[in-house]
Amino acid sequence: MVTEETARLERDFLGECEIPAGAYWGVHTARALENFPISATPISTHRGLVAALGAVKQAAVRANRELGLIDSRRADAIDRACQDVRDGLLDDQFVVDVIQGGAGTSTNMNANEVVANRALELLGLPAGTYEEIHPLDHVNRSQSTNDVYPTAVRLALLAALSEVSVAVRRLAQTCHRKSAEFWSVPKVGRTQLQDAVPMTVGQEFAAWEATLAEEEARIQDSRALLCEINLGATAIGTGITADPAYREAACRHLRQITGLPLVPATNLIEATSDTGVFVQLSGVLKRTAVKVSKICNDLRLLSSGPQAGLGELRLPPRQAGSSIMPGKVNPVIPEMVNQVAFAVVGNDVTVTMAAEGGQLQLNAFEPVIAHVLLQNIDWMTSAFERLATLCIEGIAVDVEHLEAVTSRSVGVVTALTPYLGYAAAAEIAETALAGAGDIRQLVLATGVLTEEALDALLRPEQLAGISAGISEAAQRVTTT
């Protein structure tokens, strides 16, 4: 830690500012703390963003050293300090609020000052000895907030997307296991909350597995777009103050540091002002959250009861559901996921408006974009992991209840329409619903199908479409 016992004074062009003893940050961060006490959420909340800032600063100093723009003594100290930032040793020093004006300038300044003062410490020098290592002249050499911050945000998002992708895959795998477990358990499918045709519980879980696999693919698609960076663009994309060779060198070093397939943007002016990738990613996250939320709606409905609802699924009981009704258990895990989805949808609107609000050569609102996207991914990852482990893995079914309901369902008559005709099948369904007989009896009374053929057609696996095909017996339709 910084060892001064008393506060130090630092100066910028606005005047002097007192910096607390032990702080690695300096005057620019101090002013941001005064200006933006908004959310009480420091940027250190997003560990991935702090690590990404360290990676960008490390790539920059390696490029500057390679090009002879910073001497080895300073570069080595800065490089080591950046590694400390990446490793999380200085997270408590990243103190500026996630909501800030200046297009991320306060965040960049915070990073510059922390790296500079840690580098000074590594050289055995006191904090604030900026004539030796300066936050802007050395740590921020060849850079601007406008290329550092967007690049760091992309790196943070790429890391976070890996985590949510794993969570979605695990959720899909959990549904796959449940699909296999319940593959042949019959149930009634429903459309518009009305009885439709037979299916199996396993088919329902298989459909959820498929929809989740689609979302993992869309998340992976988003990664390629995030790998295009504008590092070297400096202020507006013209590369002013940067060596002509810096852009390629910095991107190369950042690829080596992160192991990511990063590429420089083709047009740096466009890349500095454009936030389309964030809008696209926000839409993907919203799509995933909405689809998982729909699954949770199904889980809540299918588990409703236990006596006066559908009662098809039994969700694992997780906690008491009422402070007044003894024994009540609520579907708290799906309800939690629903609320995460609601937040993701709202944050998508925030990203949309922030992207639209950009003007000319820069979008000033990337801090809120970064915050809500990283929050979305963090919340979705945690929610999906808990949905898999605390809910879906422990789901049981009431097989006896499902078999009884399915056997009484008039939906089976749909399978007989090719043989009976729509009008005759509808009449049979209406008669059965009126309590004047069951489907099997009413169909046999028509004389159209033999008992053997009807039994083959009404087999649960046949009705659900999970058998190899209509048996030979079912094909022998009588004509009398």
Protein backbone atom coordinates (compact mmCIF):
# COMPACT_ATOMS: atom_id res chain seq x y z
CA MET A 1 0.00 0.00 0.00
CA VAL A 2 0.99 3.66 -0.42
CA THR A 3 2.85 4.55 2.75
CA GLU A 4 2.28 8.28 3.36
CA GLU A 5 0.91 8.94 6.82
CA THR A 6 -0.66 12.24 5.85
CA ALA A 7 -2.70 13.46 2.94
CA ARG A 8 -0.85 14.77 -0.09
CA LEU A 9 -1.66 17.68 -2.36
CA GLU A 10 -2.00 17.19 -6.08
CA ARG A 11 -2.64 19.82 -8.71
CA ASP A 12 -4.39 19.98 -12.07
CA PHE A 13 -5.24 23.03 -14.19
CA LEU A 14 -8.28 23.68 -11.95
CA GLY A 15 -6.15 24.00 -8.83
CA GLU A 16 -4.99 21.95 -5.84
CA CYS A 17 -6.79 19.00 -4.29
CA GLU A 18 -6.08 17.05 -1.12
CA ILE A 19 -5.70 13.29 -1.65
CA PRO A 20 -6.22 10.89 1.27
CA ALA A 21 -3.20 9.10 2.67
CA GLY A 22 -2.88 5.63 1.22
CA ALA A 23 -4.81 6.38 -1.96
CA TYR A 24 -3.28 5.31 -5.24
CA TRP A 25 -5.69 7.54 -7.15
CA GLY A 26 -5.09 11.25 -7.54
CA VAL A 27 -6.56 14.64 -8.34
CA HIS A 28 -8.61 13.68 -11.39
CA THR A 29 -10.25 10.82 -9.54
CA ALA A 30 -10.89 13.08 -6.55
CA ARG A 31 -12.79 15.54 -8.73
CA ALA A 32 -14.88 12.70 -10.19
CA LEU A 33 -15.74 11.56 -6.66
CA GLU A 34 -17.01 15.07 -5.91
CA ASN A 35 -18.95 15.36 -9.16
CA PHE A 36 -20.58 11.93 -9.40
CA PRO A 37 -21.86 10.59 -6.07
CA ILE A 38 -24.76 9.08 -8.02
CA SER A 39 -25.28 5.34 -7.75
CA ALA A 40 -22.96 4.45 -4.87
CA THR A 41 -21.66 1.77 -7.24
CA PRO A 42 -17.92 2.12 -7.97
CA ILE A 43 -16.42 0.80 -11.20
CA SER A 44 -14.65 -1.87 -9.12
CA THR A 45 -18.04 -3.58 -8.94
CA HIS A 46 -17.26 -4.73 -12.46
CA ARG A 47 -14.06 -6.71 -11.81
CA GLY A 48 -13.83 -7.59 -15.48
CA LEU A 49 -13.75 -3.94 -16.50
CA VAL A 50 -10.95 -3.13 -14.06
CA ALA A 51 -8.93 -6.10 -15.33
CA ALA A 52 -9.58 -4.99 -18.91
CA LEU A 53 -8.31 -1.50 -18.16
CA GLY A 54 -5.14 -3.05 -16.78
CA ALA A 55 -4.75 -5.11 -19.94
CA VAL A 56 -5.20 -2.10 -22.24
CA LYS A 57 -2.69 0.00 -20.27
CA GLN A 58 -0.25 -2.93 -20.30
CA ALA A 59 -0.54 -3.33 -24.07
CA ALA A 60 -0.06 0.41 -24.51
CA VAL A 61 3.12 0.60 -22.44
CA ARG A 62 4.59 -2.42 -24.23
CA ALA A 63 3.87 -0.79 -27.57
CA ASN A 64 5.34 2.52 -26.41
CA ARG A 65 8.46 0.77 -25.14
CA GLU A 66 8.82 -1.15 -28.41
CA LEU A 67 8.61 2.12 -30.35
CA GLY A 68 11.12 3.85 -28.08
CA LEU A 69 8.54 6.25 -26.65
CA ILE A 70 9.05 5.21 -23.01
CA ASP A 71 12.34 4.09 -21.46
CA SER A 72 12.72 0.59 -20.06
CA ARG A 73 12.88 1.68 -16.40
CA ARG A 74 9.52 3.42 -16.50
CA ALA A 75 7.96 0.89 -18.85
CA ASP A 76 8.90 -2.05 -16.62
CA ALA A 77 7.37 -0.40 -13.55
CA ILE A 78 4.19 0.54 -15.41
CA ASP A 79 3.92 -2.96 -16.88
CA ARG A 80 4.20 -4.54 -13.41
CA ALA A 81 1.63 -2.12 -12.03
CA CYS A 82 -0.75 -3.01 -14.85
CA GLN A 83 -0.35 -6.67 -14.01
CA ASP A 84 -1.30 -5.90 -10.40
CA VAL A 85 -4.44 -4.21 -11.70
CA ARG A 86 -5.25 -7.22 -13.86
CA ASP A 87 -4.69 -9.55 -10.90
CA GLY A 88 -7.15 -7.64 -8.72
CA LEU A 89 -4.62 -6.35 -6.18
CA LEU A 90 -5.80 -2.76 -6.53
CA ASP A 91 -9.54 -3.15 -7.04
CA ASP A 92 -10.39 -1.03 -3.99
CA GLN A 93 -8.65 1.91 -5.66
CA PHE A 94 -11.06 2.01 -8.60
CA VAL A 95 -13.54 4.26 -6.86
CA VAL A 96 -15.30 6.47 -9.40
CA ASP A 97 -19.02 5.95 -9.87
CA VAL A 98 -20.23 3.81 -12.78
CA ILE A 99 -22.51 6.70 -13.75
CA GLN A 100 -20.38 9.63 -14.83
CA GLY A 101 -20.17 12.35 -17.42
CA GLY A 102 -17.25 12.56 -19.81
CA ALA A 103 -17.61 9.38 -21.89
CA GLY A 104 -15.55 7.38 -19.39
CA THR A 105 -12.81 9.97 -18.84
CA SER A 106 -13.09 9.63 -15.06
CA THR A 107 -12.63 5.88 -15.33
CA ASN A 108 -9.59 6.27 -17.56
CA MET A 109 -8.10 8.90 -15.24
CA ASN A 110 -8.70 6.64 -12.24
CA ALA A 111 -6.81 3.84 -14.03
CA ASN A 112 -3.96 6.15 -15.08
CA GLU A 113 -3.44 7.43 -11.54
CA VAL A 114 -3.62 4.02 -9.87
CA VAL A 115 -1.14 2.54 -12.33
CA ALA A 116 1.21 5.53 -12.02
CA ASN A 117 1.29 5.53 -8.23
CA ARG A 118 1.68 1.76 -8.03
CA ALA A 119 4.56 1.99 -10.53
CA LEU A 120 6.16 4.71 -8.40
CA GLU A 121 5.81 2.50 -5.35
CA LEU A 122 7.51 -0.37 -7.19
CA LEU A 123 10.41 2.00 -7.90
CA GLY A 124 10.58 2.93 -4.21
CA LEU A 125 9.23 6.45 -4.82
CA PRO A 126 6.39 8.21 -2.97
CA ALA A 127 2.95 8.63 -4.50
CA GLY A 128 2.54 11.79 -6.53
CA THR A 129 6.16 11.88 -7.74
CA TYR A 130 4.82 12.47 -11.20
CA GLU A 131 7.99 13.93 -12.64
CA GLU A 132 9.22 10.32 -12.60
CA ILE A 133 6.08 8.55 -13.79
CA HIS A 134 3.16 10.74 -14.82
CA PRO A 135 -0.42 9.37 -15.13
CA LEU A 136 -0.95 11.17 -18.45
CA ASP A 137 2.49 11.67 -19.98
CA HIS A 138 3.59 8.08 -19.35
CA VAL A 139 0.72 5.76 -18.40
CA ASN A 140 -1.66 7.37 -20.90
CA ARG A 141 0.97 7.85 -23.62
CA SER A 142 -0.42 7.43 -27.18
CA GLN A 143 -3.93 7.03 -25.79
CA SER A 144 -7.23 8.79 -25.22
CA THR A 145 -10.22 7.86 -23.10
CA ASN A 146 -12.03 7.54 -26.40
CA ASP A 147 -10.04 4.50 -27.51
CA VAL A 148 -9.02 3.08 -24.12
CA TYR A 149 -12.48 2.98 -22.58
CA PRO A 150 -14.41 1.38 -25.48
CA THR A 151 -11.65 -1.19 -25.91
CA ALA A 152 -11.70 -2.07 -22.21
CA VAL A 153 -15.49 -2.33 -22.24
CA ARG A 154 -15.30 -4.78 -25.14
CA LEU A 155 -12.73 -6.90 -23.32
CA ALA A 156 -14.86 -6.92 -20.17
CA LEU A 157 -17.93 -7.94 -22.15
CA LEU A 158 -16.05 -10.73 -23.92
CA ALA A 159 -14.95 -12.17 -20.58
CA ALA A 160 -18.43 -11.87 -19.11
CA LEU A 161 -20.05 -13.45 -22.16
CA SER A 162 -17.93 -16.54 -21.65
CA GLU A 163 -19.50 -16.93 -18.22
CA VAL A 164 -23.11 -16.43 -19.30
CA SER A 165 -22.55 -18.75 -22.26
CA VAL A 166 -21.47 -21.48 -19.84
CA ALA A 167 -24.55 -20.81 -17.71
CA VAL A 168 -26.88 -21.10 -20.71
CA ARG A 169 -25.16 -24.30 -21.83
CA ARG A 170 -25.48 -25.79 -18.36
CA LEU A 171 -29.16 -24.89 -18.30
CA ALA A 172 -29.64 -26.60 -21.67
CA GLN A 173 -27.79 -29.69 -20.46
CA THR A 174 -29.97 -29.85 -17.37
CA CYS A 175 -33.08 -29.74 -19.57
CA HIS A 176 -31.54 -32.48 -21.71
CA ARG A 177 -31.16 -34.77 -18.72
CA LYS A 178 -34.73 -34.11 -17.64
CA SER A 179 -35.91 -34.76 -21.19
CA ALA A 180 -34.31 -38.19 -21.11
CA GLU A 181 -35.69 -38.89 -17.65
CA PHE A 182 -39.28 -38.02 -18.59
CA TRP A 183 -39.16 -38.89 -22.32
CA SER A 184 -42.12 -41.28 -22.32
CA VAL A 185 -44.24 -39.70 -19.56
CA PRO A 186 -47.48 -38.63 -21.31
CA LYS A 187 -49.14 -35.27 -20.87
CA VAL A 188 -51.53 -32.97 -22.68
CA GLY A 189 -50.02 -30.18 -24.74
CA ARG A 190 -51.79 -26.83 -24.61
CA THR A 191 -52.26 -23.86 -26.90
CA GLN A 192 -53.77 -20.61 -25.65
CA LEU A 193 -54.12 -22.33 -22.24
CA GLN A 194 -56.61 -24.78 -23.75
CA ASP A 195 -56.10 -28.52 -24.15
CA ALA A 196 -54.49 -29.33 -27.49
CA VAL A 197 -52.98 -32.72 -28.31
CA PRO A 198 -50.92 -35.30 -26.42
CA MET A 199 -47.17 -35.05 -26.02
CA THR A 200 -44.68 -36.13 -23.37
CA VAL A 201 -43.00 -34.31 -20.52
CA GLY A 202 -39.69 -35.24 -22.09
CA GLN A 203 -40.63 -33.50 -25.33
CA GLU A 204 -41.43 -30.34 -23.39
CA PHE A 205 -37.99 -30.35 -21.76
CA ALA A 206 -36.37 -31.15 -25.13
CA ALA A 207 -38.01 -28.08 -26.62
CA TRP A 208 -36.58 -25.96 -23.81
CA GLU A 209 -33.17 -27.50 -24.42
CA ALA A 210 -33.37 -26.57 -28.11
CA THR A 211 -34.39 -22.99 -27.47
CA LEU A 212 -31.51 -22.55 -25.01
CA ALA A 213 -29.03 -23.99 -27.52
CA GLU A 214 -30.18 -21.35 -30.00
CA GLU A 215 -29.41 -18.62 -27.47
CA GLU A 216 -25.93 -19.92 -26.77
CA ALA A 217 -25.24 -19.76 -30.51
CA ARG A 218 -26.46 -16.15 -30.70
CA ILE A 219 -24.24 -15.20 -27.75
CA GLN A 220 -21.24 -16.72 -29.51
CA ASP A 221 -22.09 -14.74 -32.66
CA SER A 222 -21.82 -11.51 -30.66
CA ARG A 223 -18.24 -12.20 -29.65
CA ALA A 224 -16.85 -11.66 -33.14
CA LEU A 225 -18.26 -8.14 -33.31
CA LEU A 226 -16.74 -7.25 -29.93
CA CYS A 227 -13.29 -8.28 -31.11
CA GLU A 228 -13.04 -5.24 -33.41
CA ILE A 229 -11.36 -2.46 -31.40
CA ASN A 230 -10.40 1.16 -31.96
CA LEU A 231 -7.21 1.20 -29.89
CA GLY A 232 -4.86 3.75 -31.49
CA ALA A 233 -7.70 5.99 -32.59
CA THR A 234 -6.98 8.45 -29.73
CA ALA A 235 -9.36 11.41 -29.59
CA ILE A 236 -11.69 10.98 -32.56
CA GLY A 237 -10.11 8.30 -34.73
CA THR A 238 -7.37 10.25 -36.48
CA GLY A 239 -4.64 8.86 -34.21
CA ILE A 240 -3.41 12.32 -33.21
CA THR A 241 -0.43 12.22 -30.75
CA ALA A 242 0.17 8.53 -31.46
CA ASP A 243 3.11 7.14 -33.47
CA PRO A 244 1.89 5.80 -36.84
CA ALA A 245 3.13 2.33 -35.84
CA TYR A 246 1.48 2.42 -32.43
CA ARG A 247 -1.94 1.21 -33.54
CA GLU A 248 -0.68 -2.10 -34.92
CA ALA A 249 1.75 -2.63 -32.06
CA ALA A 250 -0.80 -1.94 -29.33
CA CYS A 251 -3.37 -4.27 -30.88
CA ARG A 252 -0.75 -7.00 -31.30
CA HIS A 253 0.32 -6.74 -27.67
CA LEU A 254 -3.29 -6.74 -26.51
CA ARG A 255 -3.93 -9.94 -28.50
CA GLN A 256 -0.94 -11.54 -26.81
CA ILE A 257 -2.01 -10.40 -23.35
CA THR A 258 -5.64 -11.47 -23.62
CA GLY A 259 -5.45 -14.41 -26.02
CA LEU A 260 -8.40 -12.92 -27.90
CA PRO A 261 -8.60 -12.59 -31.71
CA LEU A 262 -8.69 -8.79 -31.58
CA VAL A 263 -8.47 -6.80 -34.81
CA PRO A 264 -8.20 -3.07 -35.45
CA ALA A 265 -11.34 -1.41 -36.78
CA THR A 266 -11.21 -0.60 -40.47
CA ASN A 267 -12.35 3.01 -39.98
CA LEU A 268 -11.24 4.39 -36.63
CA ILE A 269 -13.38 7.51 -36.85
CA GLU A 270 -16.48 5.40 -37.37
CA ALA A 271 -15.41 2.94 -34.68
CA THR A 272 -14.89 5.72 -32.13
CA SER A 273 -18.37 7.16 -32.57
CA ASP A 274 -20.37 3.99 -33.27
CA THR A 275 -22.01 1.97 -30.47
CA GLY A 276 -23.98 -0.41 -32.69
CA VAL A 277 -22.21 -3.47 -31.28
CA PHE A 278 -23.60 -2.65 -27.84
CA VAL A 279 -27.12 -2.29 -29.20
CA GLN A 280 -26.79 -5.64 -30.97
CA LEU A 281 -25.42 -7.36 -27.86
CA SER A 282 -28.14 -5.85 -25.70
CA GLY A 283 -30.73 -7.28 -28.07
CA VAL A 284 -29.16 -10.74 -27.84
CA LEU A 285 -29.16 -10.58 -24.04
CA LYS A 286 -32.77 -9.42 -24.04
CA ARG A 287 -33.76 -12.23 -26.37
CA THR A 288 -32.07 -14.81 -24.15
CA ALA A 289 -33.55 -13.40 -20.95
CA VAL A 290 -37.05 -13.24 -22.44
CA LYS A 291 -36.91 -16.85 -23.66
CA VAL A 292 -35.63 -18.16 -20.32
CA SER A 293 -38.30 -16.09 -18.57
CA LYS A 294 -40.94 -17.76 -20.75
CA ILE A 295 -39.62 -21.15 -19.63
CA CYS A 296 -39.98 -19.95 -16.05
CA ASN A 297 -43.58 -18.92 -16.75
CA ASP A 298 -44.22 -22.47 -17.96
CA LEU A 299 -42.58 -23.94 -14.88
CA ARG A 300 -44.69 -21.83 -12.59
CA LEU A 301 -47.89 -22.70 -14.44
CA LEU A 302 -47.16 -26.42 -14.76
CA SER A 303 -46.29 -26.64 -11.06
CA SER A 304 -49.33 -24.63 -9.93
CA GLY A 305 -51.32 -26.15 -7.09
CA PRO A 306 -50.57 -28.40 -5.40
CA GLN A 307 -54.28 -29.19 -5.20
CA ALA A 308 -56.15 -26.61 -7.23
CA GLY A 309 -53.72 -26.07 -10.12
CA LEU A 310 -52.23 -28.06 -12.99
CA GLY A 311 -49.87 -29.88 -10.66
CA GLU A 312 -47.94 -31.62 -13.43
CA LEU A 313 -44.47 -30.74 -12.23
CA ARG A 314 -43.16 -30.69 -8.69
CA LEU A 315 -40.49 -28.05 -8.22
CA PRO A 316 -37.98 -28.55 -5.41
CA PRO A 317 -39.21 -26.70 -2.29
CA ARG A 318 -36.69 -24.00 -1.41
CA GLN A 319 -38.24 -21.94 1.38
CA ALA A 320 -41.45 -21.19 3.22
CA GLY A 321 -43.81 -19.38 0.92
CA SER A 322 -45.94 -17.43 3.33
CA SER A 323 -45.77 -15.71 6.68
CA ILE A 324 -49.45 -16.47 7.25
CA MET A 325 -50.27 -19.71 5.37
CA PRO A 326 -48.49 -22.72 6.91
CA GLY A 327 -47.06 -25.22 4.44
CA LYS A 328 -47.28 -22.94 1.41
CA VAL A 329 -44.30 -23.19 -0.96
CA ASN A 330 -43.80 -20.78 -3.85
CA PRO A 331 -41.84 -21.16 -7.12
CA VAL A 332 -39.26 -18.65 -5.91
CA ILE A 333 -36.43 -19.57 -8.28
CA PRO A 334 -38.47 -19.09 -11.50
CA GLU A 335 -39.90 -15.88 -10.00
CA MET A 336 -36.38 -14.59 -9.40
CA VAL A 337 -35.41 -15.34 -13.01
CA ASN A 338 -38.53 -13.54 -14.27
CA GLN A 339 -37.45 -10.40 -12.41
CA VAL A 340 -33.94 -10.58 -13.82
CA ALA A 341 -35.49 -10.73 -17.29
CA PHE A 342 -37.63 -7.68 -16.54
CA ALA A 343 -34.46 -5.76 -15.59
CA VAL A 344 -32.66 -6.90 -18.74
CA VAL A 345 -35.54 -5.69 -20.91
CA GLY A 346 -35.50 -2.32 -19.15
CA ASN A 347 -31.74 -2.05 -19.54
CA ASP A 348 -32.11 -2.74 -23.26
CA VAL A 349 -34.13 0.45 -23.49
CA THR A 350 -31.33 2.26 -21.63
CA VAL A 351 -28.73 0.99 -24.09
CA THR A 352 -30.92 1.93 -27.03
CA MET A 353 -31.45 5.49 -25.84
CA ALA A 354 -27.80 5.93 -24.86
CA ALA A 355 -26.65 4.73 -28.29
CA GLU A 356 -29.15 6.98 -30.05
CA GLY A 357 -28.01 9.94 -27.92
CA GLY A 358 -24.49 9.96 -29.32
CA GLN A 359 -23.43 13.04 -31.24
CA LEU A 360 -20.86 13.65 -33.94
CA GLN A 361 -17.49 11.93 -33.32
CA LEU A 362 -18.16 10.42 -29.88
CA ASN A 363 -20.88 8.88 -27.75
CA ALA A 364 -20.71 10.41 -24.28
CA PHE A 365 -22.98 7.79 -22.75
CA GLU A 366 -20.87 4.65 -22.95
CA PRO A 367 -20.49 4.48 -19.14
CA VAL A 368 -24.16 3.70 -18.62
CA ILE A 369 -24.10 1.32 -21.59
CA ALA A 370 -21.15 -0.55 -20.10
CA HIS A 371 -22.70 -0.66 -16.64
CA VAL A 372 -26.08 -2.06 -17.65
CA LEU A 373 -24.64 -4.58 -20.11
CA LEU A 374 -22.19 -5.91 -17.54
CA GLN A 375 -24.94 -5.94 -14.93
CA ASN A 376 -27.24 -7.82 -17.30
CA ILE A 377 -24.64 -10.48 -17.95
CA ASP A 378 -23.74 -10.82 -14.28
CA TRP A 379 -27.37 -11.14 -13.19
CA MET A 380 -28.26 -13.52 -16.01
CA THR A 381 -25.28 -15.75 -15.24
CA SER A 382 -26.16 -16.01 -11.56
CA ALA A 383 -29.88 -16.46 -12.24
CA PHE A 384 -29.42 -19.17 -14.87
CA GLU A 385 -26.99 -21.10 -12.70
CA ARG A 386 -29.51 -21.13 -9.86
CA LEU A 387 -32.38 -22.03 -12.16
CA ALA A 388 -30.43 -25.11 -13.26
CA THR A 389 -29.14 -26.23 -9.87
CA LEU A 390 -31.88 -25.15 -7.47
CA CYS A 391 -34.91 -25.81 -9.66
CA ILE A 392 -34.72 -27.83 -12.86
CA GLU A 393 -32.29 -30.47 -11.60
CA GLY A 394 -34.71 -31.40 -8.81
CA ILE A 395 -37.99 -31.38 -10.76
CA ALA A 396 -40.22 -34.44 -10.34
CA VAL A 397 -43.46 -35.34 -12.11
CA ASP A 398 -46.72 -36.84 -10.94
CA VAL A 399 -46.80 -39.70 -13.46
CA GLU A 400 -50.08 -41.16 -12.20
CA HIS A 401 -51.84 -37.81 -12.45
CA LEU A 402 -50.47 -37.16 -15.93
CA GLU A 403 -51.47 -40.57 -17.26
CA ALA A 404 -54.99 -40.14 -15.90
CA VAL A 405 -55.41 -36.68 -17.41
CA THR A 406 -54.01 -37.75 -20.77
CA SER A 407 -56.25 -40.82 -20.98
CA ARG A 408 -59.33 -38.61 -20.48
CA SER A 409 -58.26 -35.92 -22.92
CA VAL A 410 -60.41 -35.39 -25.99
CA GLY A 411 -57.31 -34.08 -27.71
CA VAL A 412 -56.51 -37.61 -28.82
CA VAL A 413 -59.33 -37.37 -31.36
CA THR A 414 -57.09 -35.12 -33.46
CA ALA A 415 -54.98 -38.17 -34.32
CA LEU A 416 -58.09 -39.86 -35.72
CA THR A 417 -59.25 -37.09 -38.08
CA PRO A 418 -57.46 -38.65 -41.11
CA TYR A 419 -59.70 -41.68 -40.65
CA LEU A 420 -62.92 -40.15 -39.28
CA GLY A 421 -62.96 -36.77 -40.98
CA TYR A 422 -62.92 -33.43 -39.16
CA ALA A 423 -66.71 -33.12 -38.71
CA ALA A 424 -67.15 -36.61 -37.28
CA ALA A 425 -64.12 -36.18 -35.00
CA ALA A 426 -65.47 -32.85 -33.73
CA GLU A 427 -68.83 -34.44 -32.97
CA ILE A 428 -67.13 -37.23 -31.03
CA ALA A 429 -65.09 -34.69 -29.04
CA GLU A 430 -68.23 -32.68 -28.22
CA THR A 431 -70.07 -35.82 -27.13
CA ALA A 432 -67.17 -36.90 -24.91
CA LEU A 433 -66.94 -33.47 -23.30
CA ALA A 434 -70.66 -33.66 -22.54
CA GLY A 435 -70.00 -36.85 -20.59
CA ALA A 436 -71.82 -39.19 -22.97
CA GLY A 437 -68.93 -41.62 -23.31
CA ASP A 438 -65.16 -41.76 -23.69
CA ILE A 439 -63.30 -41.28 -26.96
CA ARG A 440 -62.47 -44.94 -27.42
CA GLN A 441 -66.06 -46.09 -27.01
CA LEU A 442 -67.44 -43.40 -29.29
CA VAL A 443 -64.94 -44.09 -32.05
CA LEU A 444 -65.50 -47.82 -32.01
CA ALA A 445 -69.25 -47.17 -32.25
CA THR A 446 -68.69 -45.56 -35.65
CA GLY A 447 -67.35 -48.84 -37.05
CA VAL A 448 -64.67 -46.95 -39.02
CA LEU A 449 -61.74 -48.36 -37.05
CA THR A 450 -61.22 -51.82 -35.67
CA GLU A 451 -60.35 -52.18 -32.00
CA GLU A 452 -56.83 -53.30 -32.93
CA ALA A 453 -56.24 -50.34 -35.23
CA LEU A 454 -57.67 -47.87 -32.71
CA ASP A 455 -55.48 -49.18 -29.90
CA ALA A 456 -52.43 -48.79 -32.14
CA LEU A 457 -53.35 -45.20 -33.00
CA LEU A 458 -54.00 -44.27 -29.37
CA ARG A 459 -50.75 -45.59 -27.99
CA PRO A 460 -49.17 -42.72 -25.98
CA GLU A 461 -45.90 -42.89 -27.92
CA GLN A 462 -47.82 -42.86 -31.19
CA LEU A 463 -49.88 -39.86 -30.14
CA ALA A 464 -46.74 -37.98 -29.11
CA GLY A 465 -44.96 -38.80 -32.35
CA ILE A 466 -42.07 -40.56 -30.64
CA SER A 467 -42.59 -44.02 -32.20
CA ALA A 468 -41.04 -45.18 -35.44
CA GLY A 469 -44.32 -44.74 -37.25
CA ILE A 470 -47.86 -46.00 -37.47
CA SER A 471 -47.89 -49.72 -36.86
CA GLU A 472 -49.21 -52.16 -39.39
CA ALA A 473 -52.19 -52.78 -37.15
CA ALA A 474 -53.05 -49.09 -37.11
CA GLN A 475 -52.91 -48.99 -40.89
CA ARG A 476 -55.59 -51.67 -41.23
CA VAL A 477 -58.58 -49.35 -41.31
CA THR A 478 -61.96 -50.97 -41.87
CA THR A 479 -64.25 -49.64 -44.51
CA THR A 480 -67.48 -50.91 -43.09
